[in-house]
Amino acid sequence: MQSLKTGLNSLYLSVLLTSAGIANAETITVGYFLEWPTPNQFAQVKQIYDEALEVDINWVSFDAGTAMSAAMASGDVQISFSQGIPPFVVAASAGQDLQIVDIAVSYSENENCVVRSSLEISKDNAQELAGKQAGVPIGTAAHYGFLKQMEHLGVDTTTMKIVDMAPADGAAAFANGNLDMVCGWGGALRRMKEHGHVLFTGAEKEQLGIQVFDATTVSAQWAQENPDLLASFLKVTADMNTRYTTDHSGEMLGVIAKAAGMKENTAKETMASFSFPDIKAQLSEKWLGGGTQQFLKQVADFFVEQHIIPEARDNYDDAVDASYLEAASKL
């Protein structure tokens, strides 16, 4: 558990010591994930964003949301698409000036932890995880879910050896038999399940209060200086979500799969477990109208209890700004 705390403390300190930069007015750098197929990747490939915003969009892939936060802190990235809530909370709690501006995707079935099948460990004998080695991407949604699941099962995580590993690396190590438990999402999670089983389904996790969704996050300073660009970006994203739900010809899927670095059938299966709230839903009380702000506080307080971060904000109201999405709804 010590390595887990050390990793997040290093991230926390790096955020405190780094200030966000401003992008070149003619270029915007957007962070995203490979093996994470979303409708907006059609616009990424077809340069629909570039045309709508009238700037060059530079897309950079990451393997974890914590790296996205660091890149935004340094000014290398202005927009992070589909950043997990826990890494956002870690950065925001440390004082990084980030904001959530829309809900990218909800995916309770597509993020989880997997236990090696040969161990024959279930919810009923979860105490046998003591002493076992787990690969967890620290500071991410998978990390938060892991801690909440272990808390519910009464497993003392200090008795486990927890290694900070990106999902793809964790899946590879799990396949080689080097880990007893591993956590991740997307394509990596699918590979993990080839060698193990989950302890909780997505629906069961939601009953435990584990919400699993990603957000579009931005450097607040950059957003304030470029509100029209950001609103246009969000409008294209919303248009792609709508288009995908009505794309019966499947034109988008092949493009999305290639951009995500996945086979088409695998991307289709992955996206079948995704939900993409439309703008009206996102502006409701469930999401940016208050629900997201409350969830940020819950995650932060839990991380304080777990000694993952030193302190939480009194509230996270100013860590969410729905004004850009509202502007997008009028375009």
Protein backbone atom coordinates (compact mmCIF):
# COMPACT_ATOMS: atom_id res chain seq x y z
CA MET A 1 0.00 0.00 0.00
CA GLN A 2 2.98 2.28 0.57
CA SER A 3 3.81 2.40 -3.15
CA LEU A 4 0.21 3.37 -3.86
CA LYS A 5 0.36 6.31 -1.46
CA THR A 6 3.77 7.37 -2.70
CA GLY A 7 2.55 7.48 -6.29
CA LEU A 8 -0.41 9.71 -5.51
CA ASN A 9 1.60 11.94 -3.20
CA SER A 10 4.07 12.52 -6.03
CA LEU A 11 1.23 13.43 -8.36
CA TYR A 12 -0.28 15.73 -5.75
CA LEU A 13 3.02 17.56 -5.27
CA SER A 14 3.64 17.85 -9.01
CA VAL A 15 0.28 19.55 -9.42
CA LEU A 16 1.03 21.99 -6.65
CA LEU A 17 4.35 22.91 -8.22
CA THR A 18 3.21 23.25 -11.84
CA SER A 19 1.09 25.96 -13.43
CA ALA A 20 -1.02 25.56 -16.54
CA GLY A 21 0.23 27.08 -19.77
CA ILE A 22 -1.67 28.57 -22.67
CA ALA A 23 -1.94 26.89 -26.05
CA ASN A 24 -0.89 28.36 -29.32
CA ALA A 25 -4.00 30.09 -30.66
CA GLU A 26 -3.72 28.09 -33.88
CA THR A 27 -3.40 24.66 -32.26
CA ILE A 28 -5.27 22.81 -29.52
CA THR A 29 -3.92 19.61 -27.99
CA VAL A 30 -6.51 17.09 -26.82
CA GLY A 31 -5.74 14.06 -24.69
CA TYR A 32 -7.60 10.78 -25.23
CA PHE A 33 -7.28 7.03 -24.61
CA LEU A 34 -6.50 4.22 -27.02
CA GLU A 35 -8.69 1.09 -26.74
CA TRP A 36 -11.48 3.40 -25.59
CA PRO A 37 -13.83 3.74 -28.59
CA THR A 38 -16.14 6.75 -28.53
CA PRO A 39 -18.21 8.42 -31.28
CA ASN A 40 -16.10 11.59 -31.24
CA GLN A 41 -13.18 9.63 -32.69
CA PHE A 42 -15.00 9.68 -36.03
CA ALA A 43 -14.72 13.47 -35.91
CA GLN A 44 -11.12 13.13 -34.79
CA VAL A 45 -10.17 11.09 -37.87
CA LYS A 46 -12.31 13.05 -40.32
CA GLN A 47 -10.97 16.36 -38.93
CA ILE A 48 -14.49 17.58 -38.24
CA TYR A 49 -13.24 19.26 -35.08
CA ASP A 50 -10.54 21.11 -37.01
CA GLU A 51 -13.10 22.42 -39.49
CA ALA A 52 -15.65 23.44 -36.85
CA LEU A 53 -13.11 25.20 -34.62
CA GLU A 54 -10.98 26.48 -37.51
CA VAL A 55 -7.80 25.43 -35.71
CA ASP A 56 -5.50 22.42 -35.89
CA ILE A 57 -6.33 19.74 -33.32
CA ASN A 58 -3.40 17.70 -32.04
CA TRP A 59 -4.59 14.41 -30.49
CA VAL A 60 -2.29 12.76 -27.93
CA SER A 61 -3.02 9.37 -26.37
CA PHE A 62 -2.54 8.60 -22.66
CA ASP A 63 -2.69 5.41 -20.62
CA ALA A 64 -4.19 6.95 -17.46
CA GLY A 65 -6.08 10.04 -16.34
CA THR A 66 -3.33 10.97 -13.89
CA ALA A 67 -1.00 11.58 -16.84
CA MET A 68 -3.69 13.77 -18.42
CA SER A 69 -3.77 15.95 -15.30
CA ALA A 70 0.00 16.34 -15.36
CA ALA A 71 -0.08 17.27 -19.06
CA MET A 72 -2.75 19.91 -18.44
CA ALA A 73 -0.77 21.25 -15.49
CA SER A 74 2.27 21.74 -17.71
CA GLY A 75 0.19 23.37 -20.44
CA ASP A 76 0.93 20.61 -22.96
CA VAL A 77 -2.76 19.63 -23.15
CA GLN A 78 -5.75 21.98 -23.08
CA ILE A 79 -8.63 19.47 -23.24
CA SER A 80 -8.74 15.93 -21.89
CA PHE A 81 -11.49 13.77 -23.35
CA SER A 82 -12.90 11.02 -21.14
CA GLN A 83 -10.76 11.66 -18.07
CA GLY A 84 -11.75 9.56 -15.08
CA ILE A 85 -13.27 11.29 -12.07
CA PRO A 86 -10.75 10.08 -9.42
CA PRO A 87 -7.66 11.48 -11.19
CA PHE A 88 -9.55 14.71 -11.75
CA VAL A 89 -10.41 14.86 -8.04
CA VAL A 90 -6.78 14.28 -7.04
CA ALA A 91 -5.60 17.15 -9.24
CA ALA A 92 -8.44 19.51 -8.28
CA SER A 93 -7.93 18.78 -4.58
CA ALA A 94 -4.25 19.66 -4.95
CA GLY A 95 -5.22 23.06 -6.32
CA GLN A 96 -4.87 22.48 -10.05
CA ASP A 97 -7.22 24.82 -11.91
CA LEU A 98 -9.19 22.22 -13.86
CA GLN A 99 -12.88 22.07 -14.66
CA ILE A 100 -15.34 19.46 -15.88
CA VAL A 101 -17.29 20.79 -18.85
CA ASP A 102 -19.25 17.76 -20.03
CA ILE A 103 -19.91 14.09 -19.35
CA ALA A 104 -18.05 12.03 -21.93
CA VAL A 105 -19.30 8.52 -21.20
CA SER A 106 -20.93 6.42 -18.47
CA TYR A 107 -19.65 2.83 -18.27
CA SER A 108 -20.23 0.86 -15.08
CA GLU A 109 -19.73 -2.45 -16.93
CA ASN A 110 -16.53 -1.36 -18.63
CA GLU A 111 -14.29 -0.67 -15.64
CA ASN A 112 -13.60 -3.26 -12.98
CA CYS A 113 -11.16 -5.46 -11.09
CA VAL A 114 -10.50 -9.08 -11.98
CA VAL A 115 -9.31 -11.88 -9.68
CA ARG A 116 -7.37 -14.85 -11.05
CA SER A 117 -9.79 -17.74 -11.52
CA SER A 118 -7.40 -20.37 -10.15
CA LEU A 119 -7.49 -18.65 -6.74
CA GLU A 120 -11.21 -19.47 -6.43
CA ILE A 121 -11.86 -16.23 -4.56
CA SER A 122 -15.38 -14.77 -4.49
CA LYS A 123 -17.26 -12.22 -2.40
CA ASP A 124 -17.78 -14.94 0.21
CA ASN A 125 -14.08 -15.61 0.85
CA ALA A 126 -12.59 -12.26 -0.21
CA GLN A 127 -10.44 -12.21 2.95
CA GLU A 128 -8.13 -14.57 1.09
CA LEU A 129 -6.97 -11.57 -0.94
CA ALA A 130 -4.73 -10.71 2.02
CA GLY A 131 -1.12 -11.02 0.95
CA LYS A 132 -2.04 -11.14 -2.72
CA GLN A 133 -0.49 -8.87 -5.37
CA ALA A 134 -2.75 -6.49 -7.32
CA GLY A 135 -1.99 -4.30 -10.33
CA VAL A 136 -3.97 -1.06 -10.00
CA PRO A 137 -3.71 2.17 -12.05
CA ILE A 138 -3.33 4.51 -9.10
CA GLY A 139 -5.47 7.61 -8.90
CA THR A 140 -7.94 6.44 -11.56
CA ALA A 141 -11.58 5.36 -11.58
CA ALA A 142 -10.39 1.75 -11.40
CA HIS A 143 -8.36 2.57 -8.29
CA TYR A 144 -11.36 4.21 -6.63
CA GLY A 145 -13.55 1.24 -7.52
CA PHE A 146 -10.94 -1.16 -6.16
CA LEU A 147 -10.79 0.64 -2.81
CA LYS A 148 -14.58 0.84 -2.51
CA GLN A 149 -15.00 -2.84 -3.34
CA MET A 150 -12.36 -3.87 -0.85
CA GLU A 151 -13.92 -1.64 1.82
CA HIS A 152 -17.33 -3.24 1.25
CA LEU A 153 -15.82 -6.73 1.49
CA GLY A 154 -13.87 -5.86 4.63
CA VAL A 155 -10.49 -6.50 2.99
CA ASP A 156 -7.62 -4.56 4.56
CA THR A 157 -5.70 -3.31 1.52
CA THR A 158 -2.59 -2.70 3.65
CA THR A 159 -2.21 -6.49 3.73
CA MET A 160 -1.97 -6.58 -0.07
CA LYS A 161 0.94 -5.72 -2.32
CA ILE A 162 -0.43 -3.05 -4.65
CA VAL A 163 1.56 -2.14 -7.74
CA ASP A 164 0.82 0.97 -9.81
CA MET A 165 0.24 -0.30 -13.34
CA ALA A 166 -1.50 1.10 -16.40
CA PRO A 167 -4.33 -1.24 -17.52
CA ALA A 168 -2.51 -2.50 -20.62
CA ASP A 169 0.58 -3.36 -18.56
CA GLY A 170 -1.55 -4.91 -15.84
CA ALA A 171 -3.38 -7.10 -18.38
CA ALA A 172 -0.06 -8.34 -19.80
CA ALA A 173 1.34 -9.12 -16.36
CA PHE A 174 -1.91 -10.87 -15.40
CA ALA A 175 -1.77 -13.01 -18.54
CA ASN A 176 1.79 -14.02 -17.63
CA GLY A 177 0.68 -15.09 -14.15
CA ASN A 178 2.53 -12.34 -12.30
CA LEU A 179 -0.50 -10.83 -10.55
CA ASP A 180 -3.35 -12.21 -8.45
CA MET A 181 -5.72 -9.33 -9.12
CA VAL A 182 -5.75 -6.52 -11.65
CA CYS A 183 -7.93 -3.51 -12.39
CA GLY A 184 -8.61 -1.59 -15.57
CA TRP A 185 -11.03 -0.67 -18.33
CA GLY A 186 -11.77 -1.01 -22.03
CA GLY A 187 -9.75 -3.44 -24.13
CA ALA A 188 -7.37 -4.17 -21.26
CA LEU A 189 -10.28 -5.24 -19.06
CA ARG A 190 -11.50 -7.61 -21.77
CA ARG A 191 -8.06 -9.26 -21.84
CA MET A 192 -8.00 -9.45 -18.04
CA LYS A 193 -11.29 -11.37 -18.02
CA GLU A 194 -9.70 -14.10 -20.16
CA HIS A 195 -7.78 -15.18 -17.05
CA GLY A 196 -10.12 -14.27 -14.19
CA HIS A 197 -13.49 -13.06 -12.99
CA VAL A 198 -14.97 -9.92 -11.43
CA LEU A 199 -16.28 -9.83 -7.87
CA PHE A 200 -19.02 -7.29 -8.63
CA THR A 201 -21.01 -6.64 -11.78
CA GLY A 202 -21.53 -3.08 -12.99
CA ALA A 203 -25.04 -3.03 -11.53
CA GLU A 204 -23.77 -4.31 -8.19
CA LYS A 205 -21.09 -1.63 -8.13
CA GLU A 206 -23.71 1.05 -8.68
CA GLN A 207 -25.66 -0.34 -5.71
CA LEU A 208 -22.49 0.21 -3.66
CA GLY A 209 -22.49 3.84 -4.75
CA ILE A 210 -19.62 3.39 -7.22
CA GLN A 211 -20.47 5.65 -10.13
CA VAL A 212 -18.31 5.08 -13.16
CA PHE A 213 -18.19 7.85 -15.72
CA ASP A 214 -15.64 10.03 -17.46
CA ALA A 215 -15.72 13.73 -18.19
CA THR A 216 -14.31 16.19 -20.66
CA THR A 217 -11.97 18.31 -18.57
CA VAL A 218 -10.09 21.49 -19.36
CA SER A 219 -7.56 23.95 -18.08
CA ALA A 220 -9.91 26.55 -16.59
CA GLN A 221 -7.70 29.45 -17.64
CA TRP A 222 -7.55 28.25 -21.23
CA ALA A 223 -11.33 27.72 -21.28
CA GLN A 224 -12.02 31.21 -19.99
CA GLU A 225 -9.83 32.67 -22.72
CA ASN A 226 -11.29 30.46 -25.47
CA PRO A 227 -15.00 29.97 -24.65
CA ASP A 228 -16.16 29.84 -28.28
CA LEU A 229 -13.59 27.22 -29.23
CA LEU A 230 -14.57 25.06 -26.29
CA ALA A 231 -18.30 25.39 -26.99
CA SER A 232 -17.69 24.35 -30.59
CA PHE A 233 -15.63 21.35 -29.44
CA LEU A 234 -18.46 20.21 -27.17
CA LYS A 235 -21.02 20.70 -29.94
CA VAL A 236 -19.09 18.45 -32.31
CA THR A 237 -18.79 15.83 -29.57
CA ALA A 238 -22.55 15.94 -28.94
CA ASP A 239 -23.28 15.73 -32.65
CA MET A 240 -21.09 12.64 -32.98
CA ASN A 241 -22.88 10.95 -30.06
CA THR A 242 -26.24 11.59 -31.71
CA ARG A 243 -24.99 10.49 -35.08
CA TYR A 244 -23.64 7.22 -33.69
CA THR A 245 -26.99 6.23 -32.18
CA THR A 246 -28.64 6.62 -35.58
CA ASP A 247 -25.76 5.30 -37.72
CA HIS A 248 -27.51 2.13 -38.86
CA SER A 249 -25.15 1.72 -41.81
CA GLY A 250 -22.21 1.29 -39.48
CA GLU A 251 -20.16 3.90 -41.32
CA MET A 252 -18.78 5.33 -38.11
CA LEU A 253 -17.82 2.10 -36.36
CA GLY A 254 -14.94 1.11 -38.59
CA VAL A 255 -13.39 4.57 -38.36
CA ILE A 256 -13.82 4.67 -34.59
CA ALA A 257 -12.32 1.20 -34.12
CA LYS A 258 -9.24 2.06 -36.18
CA ALA A 259 -8.72 5.30 -34.27
CA ALA A 260 -9.01 3.41 -30.97
CA GLY A 261 -6.56 0.75 -32.11
CA MET A 262 -9.15 -2.04 -31.92
CA LYS A 263 -10.82 -4.64 -34.11
CA GLU A 264 -14.25 -3.53 -35.29
CA ASN A 265 -16.19 -6.30 -33.52
CA THR A 266 -14.34 -5.66 -30.26
CA ALA A 267 -15.01 -1.93 -30.47
CA LYS A 268 -18.69 -2.62 -31.14
CA GLU A 269 -18.98 -4.90 -28.11
CA THR A 270 -17.18 -2.36 -25.93
CA MET A 271 -19.38 0.53 -27.04
CA ALA A 272 -22.52 -1.53 -26.44
CA SER A 273 -21.83 -1.16 -22.71
CA PHE A 274 -21.27 2.61 -22.96
CA SER A 275 -23.84 5.34 -22.45
CA PHE A 276 -23.41 8.81 -23.95
CA PRO A 277 -25.76 11.31 -22.23
CA ASP A 278 -27.05 14.02 -24.57
CA ILE A 279 -26.69 17.71 -23.75
CA LYS A 280 -30.13 17.97 -22.15
CA ALA A 281 -29.39 15.04 -19.84
CA GLN A 282 -25.95 16.39 -18.97
CA LEU A 283 -27.39 19.74 -17.92
CA SER A 284 -29.88 18.03 -15.61
CA GLU A 285 -29.58 17.75 -11.84
CA LYS A 286 -28.26 14.19 -12.19
CA TRP A 287 -25.12 15.38 -13.92
CA LEU A 288 -23.73 18.91 -14.22
CA GLY A 289 -26.74 20.40 -12.43
CA GLY A 290 -25.44 19.19 -9.08
CA GLY A 291 -24.99 15.42 -9.07
CA THR A 292 -21.46 15.50 -10.45
CA GLN A 293 -20.36 18.15 -7.95
CA GLN A 294 -21.66 16.01 -5.10
CA PHE A 295 -19.91 12.92 -6.42
CA LEU A 296 -16.60 14.79 -6.66
CA LYS A 297 -16.90 15.61 -2.97
CA GLN A 298 -17.72 12.00 -2.10
CA VAL A 299 -14.66 10.72 -3.95
CA ALA A 300 -12.41 13.36 -2.38
CA ASP A 301 -13.62 12.65 1.15
CA PHE A 302 -13.13 8.93 0.61
CA PHE A 303 -9.58 9.51 -0.62
CA VAL A 304 -8.87 11.56 2.51
CA GLU A 305 -10.22 8.73 4.69
CA GLN A 306 -7.96 6.30 2.84
CA HIS A 307 -4.96 8.66 3.33
CA ILE A 308 -4.58 8.91 -0.44
CA ILE A 309 -4.76 12.73 -0.51
CA PRO A 310 -4.10 15.03 2.47
CA GLU A 311 -7.28 17.08 2.23
CA ALA A 312 -10.41 17.74 0.21
CA ARG A 313 -12.04 20.98 -0.79
CA ASP A 314 -15.05 22.20 1.17
CA ASN A 315 -17.01 21.67 -2.05
CA TYR A 316 -16.35 21.14 -5.74
CA ASP A 317 -18.97 23.46 -7.17
CA ASP A 318 -16.42 25.59 -9.04
CA ALA A 319 -14.74 22.46 -10.43
CA VAL A 320 -17.71 22.07 -12.78
CA ASP A 321 -18.72 24.68 -15.35
CA ALA A 322 -21.80 23.92 -17.45
CA SER A 323 -21.78 27.29 -19.23
CA TYR A 324 -19.73 26.00 -22.18
CA LEU A 325 -22.13 23.10 -22.73
CA GLU A 326 -25.06 25.47 -22.47
CA ALA A 327 -23.43 27.60 -25.16
CA ALA A 328 -22.89 24.48 -27.27
CA SER A 329 -26.60 23.65 -27.04
CA LYS A 330 -27.36 26.93 -28.82
CA LEU A 331 -24.99 26.41 -31.74
